[in-house]
Amino acid sequence: MSASDKAKNKLQQLQGKMRAATGGAIGDPDMAARGRGDQRIAHLKDAGEKVKDAFRSRRRPRRY
């Protein structure tokens, strides 16, 4: 996984946490739900990158 993709995913997770907390604090359930959704999307992106990385090592030819 590239460092920039990982950073973007972590930033999106942080933004989701902030949005969910803000929505909970001001009593806006729609904003809180959008924040939780942002967190889940970032988590799924991160998991997808990890799966790609797991298979990437198998595609490289062996050097003898």
N, C-alpha and C. Protein backbone atom coordinates (compact mmCIF):
# COMPACT_ATOMS: atom_id res chain seq x y z
N MET A 1 0.85 -1.15 0.00
CA MET A 1 0.00 0.00 0.00
C MET A 1 0.90 1.22 0.00
N SER A 2 0.55 2.15 -0.83
CA SER A 2 1.36 3.34 -0.86
C SER A 2 1.06 4.21 0.37
N ALA A 3 2.03 4.97 0.74
CA ALA A 3 1.88 5.81 1.93
C ALA A 3 0.81 6.87 1.74
N SER A 4 0.68 7.38 0.51
CA SER A 4 -0.33 8.42 0.29
C SER A 4 -1.74 7.85 0.41
N ASP A 5 -1.97 6.63 -0.08
CA ASP A 5 -3.29 6.01 0.06
C ASP A 5 -3.62 5.76 1.52
N LYS A 6 -2.63 5.29 2.26
CA LYS A 6 -2.84 5.02 3.68
C LYS A 6 -3.16 6.32 4.42
N ALA A 7 -2.45 7.38 4.09
CA ALA A 7 -2.69 8.68 4.73
C ALA A 7 -4.08 9.21 4.40
N LYS A 8 -4.49 9.05 3.14
CA LYS A 8 -5.83 9.51 2.75
C LYS A 8 -6.91 8.75 3.49
N ASN A 9 -6.73 7.44 3.64
CA ASN A 9 -7.71 6.63 4.35
C ASN A 9 -7.78 7.03 5.83
N LYS A 10 -6.64 7.26 6.45
CA LYS A 10 -6.62 7.67 7.85
C LYS A 10 -7.26 9.05 8.02
N LEU A 11 -7.01 9.94 7.08
CA LEU A 11 -7.61 11.27 7.14
C LEU A 11 -9.13 11.17 7.01
N GLN A 12 -9.61 10.32 6.12
CA GLN A 12 -11.05 10.15 5.96
C GLN A 12 -11.66 9.54 7.22
N GLN A 13 -10.94 8.60 7.85
CA GLN A 13 -11.43 8.04 9.11
C GLN A 13 -11.53 9.11 10.19
N LEU A 14 -10.51 9.94 10.28
CA LEU A 14 -10.50 11.02 11.28
C LEU A 14 -11.62 12.01 11.01
N GLN A 15 -11.84 12.37 9.76
CA GLN A 15 -12.92 13.29 9.42
C GLN A 15 -14.27 12.67 9.77
N GLY A 16 -14.41 11.37 9.54
CA GLY A 16 -15.65 10.70 9.89
C GLY A 16 -15.90 10.69 11.38
N LYS A 17 -14.83 10.46 12.16
CA LYS A 17 -14.98 10.49 13.61
C LYS A 17 -15.39 11.88 14.09
N MET A 18 -14.77 12.89 13.52
CA MET A 18 -15.10 14.26 13.90
C MET A 18 -16.54 14.59 13.54
N ARG A 19 -16.96 14.19 12.35
CA ARG A 19 -18.32 14.48 11.91
C ARG A 19 -19.34 13.74 12.78
N ALA A 20 -19.04 12.47 13.11
CA ALA A 20 -19.95 11.69 13.95
C ALA A 20 -20.05 12.31 15.34
N ALA A 21 -18.93 12.73 15.89
CA ALA A 21 -18.93 13.34 17.23
C ALA A 21 -19.67 14.67 17.21
N THR A 22 -19.46 15.45 16.18
CA THR A 22 -20.15 16.74 16.07
C THR A 22 -21.65 16.53 15.93
N GLY A 23 -22.03 15.58 15.09
CA GLY A 23 -23.45 15.30 14.91
C GLY A 23 -24.10 14.82 16.19
N GLY A 24 -23.37 14.01 16.96
CA GLY A 24 -23.91 13.56 18.24
C GLY A 24 -24.01 14.69 19.25
N ALA A 25 -23.05 15.60 19.22
CA ALA A 25 -23.02 16.69 20.18
C ALA A 25 -24.14 17.70 19.92
N ILE A 26 -24.41 17.97 18.65
CA ILE A 26 -25.44 18.97 18.36
C ILE A 26 -26.82 18.34 18.14
N GLY A 27 -26.87 17.01 18.21
CA GLY A 27 -28.15 16.32 18.09
C GLY A 27 -28.62 16.16 16.66
N ASP A 28 -27.70 16.09 15.71
CA ASP A 28 -28.05 15.91 14.30
C ASP A 28 -27.75 14.46 13.91
N PRO A 29 -28.77 13.59 13.87
CA PRO A 29 -28.52 12.18 13.57
C PRO A 29 -28.05 11.95 12.14
N ASP A 30 -28.44 12.82 11.21
CA ASP A 30 -27.98 12.67 9.83
C ASP A 30 -26.47 12.90 9.72
N MET A 31 -25.98 13.92 10.40
CA MET A 31 -24.55 14.20 10.37
C MET A 31 -23.76 13.08 11.04
N ALA A 32 -24.28 12.57 12.13
CA ALA A 32 -23.61 11.47 12.82
C ALA A 32 -23.56 10.23 11.94
N ALA A 33 -24.64 9.97 11.22
CA ALA A 33 -24.68 8.81 10.33
C ALA A 33 -23.71 8.97 9.16
N ARG A 34 -23.61 10.18 8.63
CA ARG A 34 -22.63 10.42 7.55
C ARG A 34 -21.21 10.22 8.05
N GLY A 35 -20.95 10.62 9.27
CA GLY A 35 -19.63 10.44 9.86
C GLY A 35 -19.29 8.97 10.02
N ARG A 36 -20.24 8.19 10.52
CA ARG A 36 -20.01 6.74 10.65
C ARG A 36 -19.82 6.10 9.28
N GLY A 37 -20.55 6.59 8.29
CA GLY A 37 -20.40 6.08 6.94
C GLY A 37 -19.01 6.37 6.37
N ASP A 38 -18.52 7.58 6.62
CA ASP A 38 -17.17 7.93 6.18
C ASP A 38 -16.13 7.02 6.81
N GLN A 39 -16.32 6.72 8.09
CA GLN A 39 -15.39 5.83 8.78
C GLN A 39 -15.40 4.45 8.14
N ARG A 40 -16.58 3.93 7.85
CA ARG A 40 -16.68 2.59 7.26
C ARG A 40 -16.08 2.54 5.87
N ILE A 41 -16.32 3.57 5.08
CA ILE A 41 -15.76 3.61 3.73
C ILE A 41 -14.24 3.62 3.79
N ALA A 42 -13.67 4.42 4.67
CA ALA A 42 -12.22 4.48 4.81
C ALA A 42 -11.66 3.13 5.27
N HIS A 43 -12.36 2.48 6.18
CA HIS A 43 -11.92 1.18 6.66
C HIS A 43 -11.94 0.15 5.53
N LEU A 44 -12.97 0.16 4.71
CA LEU A 44 -13.06 -0.78 3.59
C LEU A 44 -11.98 -0.50 2.54
N LYS A 45 -11.70 0.77 2.29
CA LYS A 45 -10.62 1.10 1.36
C LYS A 45 -9.29 0.57 1.87
N ASP A 46 -9.06 0.75 3.16
CA ASP A 46 -7.82 0.27 3.78
C ASP A 46 -7.72 -1.25 3.67
N ALA A 47 -8.82 -1.94 3.90
CA ALA A 47 -8.82 -3.41 3.79
C ALA A 47 -8.56 -3.84 2.35
N GLY A 48 -9.13 -3.13 1.39
CA GLY A 48 -8.89 -3.45 -0.01
C GLY A 48 -7.44 -3.27 -0.40
N GLU A 49 -6.81 -2.22 0.11
CA GLU A 49 -5.39 -2.00 -0.17
C GLU A 49 -4.55 -3.12 0.43
N LYS A 50 -4.91 -3.59 1.60
CA LYS A 50 -4.16 -4.68 2.24
C LYS A 50 -4.30 -5.96 1.44
N VAL A 51 -5.48 -6.22 0.89
CA VAL A 51 -5.67 -7.42 0.06
C VAL A 51 -4.83 -7.32 -1.21
N LYS A 52 -4.82 -6.14 -1.82
CA LYS A 52 -3.99 -5.97 -3.02
C LYS A 52 -2.53 -6.19 -2.70
N ASP A 53 -2.08 -5.69 -1.56
CA ASP A 53 -0.68 -5.87 -1.16
C ASP A 53 -0.36 -7.34 -0.92
N ALA A 54 -1.31 -8.08 -0.38
CA ALA A 54 -1.08 -9.50 -0.10
C ALA A 54 -0.86 -10.28 -1.39
N PHE A 55 -1.59 -9.93 -2.44
CA PHE A 55 -1.44 -10.64 -3.70
C PHE A 55 -0.33 -10.06 -4.57
N ARG A 56 0.08 -8.85 -4.30
CA ARG A 56 1.11 -8.22 -5.10
C ARG A 56 2.44 -8.98 -4.97
N SER A 57 2.75 -9.48 -3.79
CA SER A 57 4.01 -10.18 -3.60
C SER A 57 4.05 -11.49 -4.38
N ARG A 58 2.90 -12.08 -4.64
CA ARG A 58 2.86 -13.34 -5.41
C ARG A 58 3.08 -13.11 -6.90
N ARG A 59 2.78 -11.91 -7.38
CA ARG A 59 2.93 -11.65 -8.81
C ARG A 59 4.37 -11.36 -9.20
N ARG A 60 5.20 -11.04 -8.26
CA ARG A 60 6.59 -10.71 -8.58
C ARG A 60 7.35 -11.99 -8.91
N PRO A 61 8.12 -11.95 -9.98
CA PRO A 61 8.90 -13.14 -10.32
C PRO A 61 10.02 -13.37 -9.32
N ARG A 62 10.30 -14.62 -9.10
CA ARG A 62 11.40 -14.95 -8.18
C ARG A 62 12.74 -14.75 -8.86
N ARG A 63 13.67 -14.28 -8.09
CA ARG A 63 15.02 -14.08 -8.63
C ARG A 63 15.92 -15.12 -8.00
N TYR A 64 16.62 -15.81 -8.81
CA TYR A 64 17.52 -16.86 -8.33
C TYR A 64 18.95 -16.41 -8.39
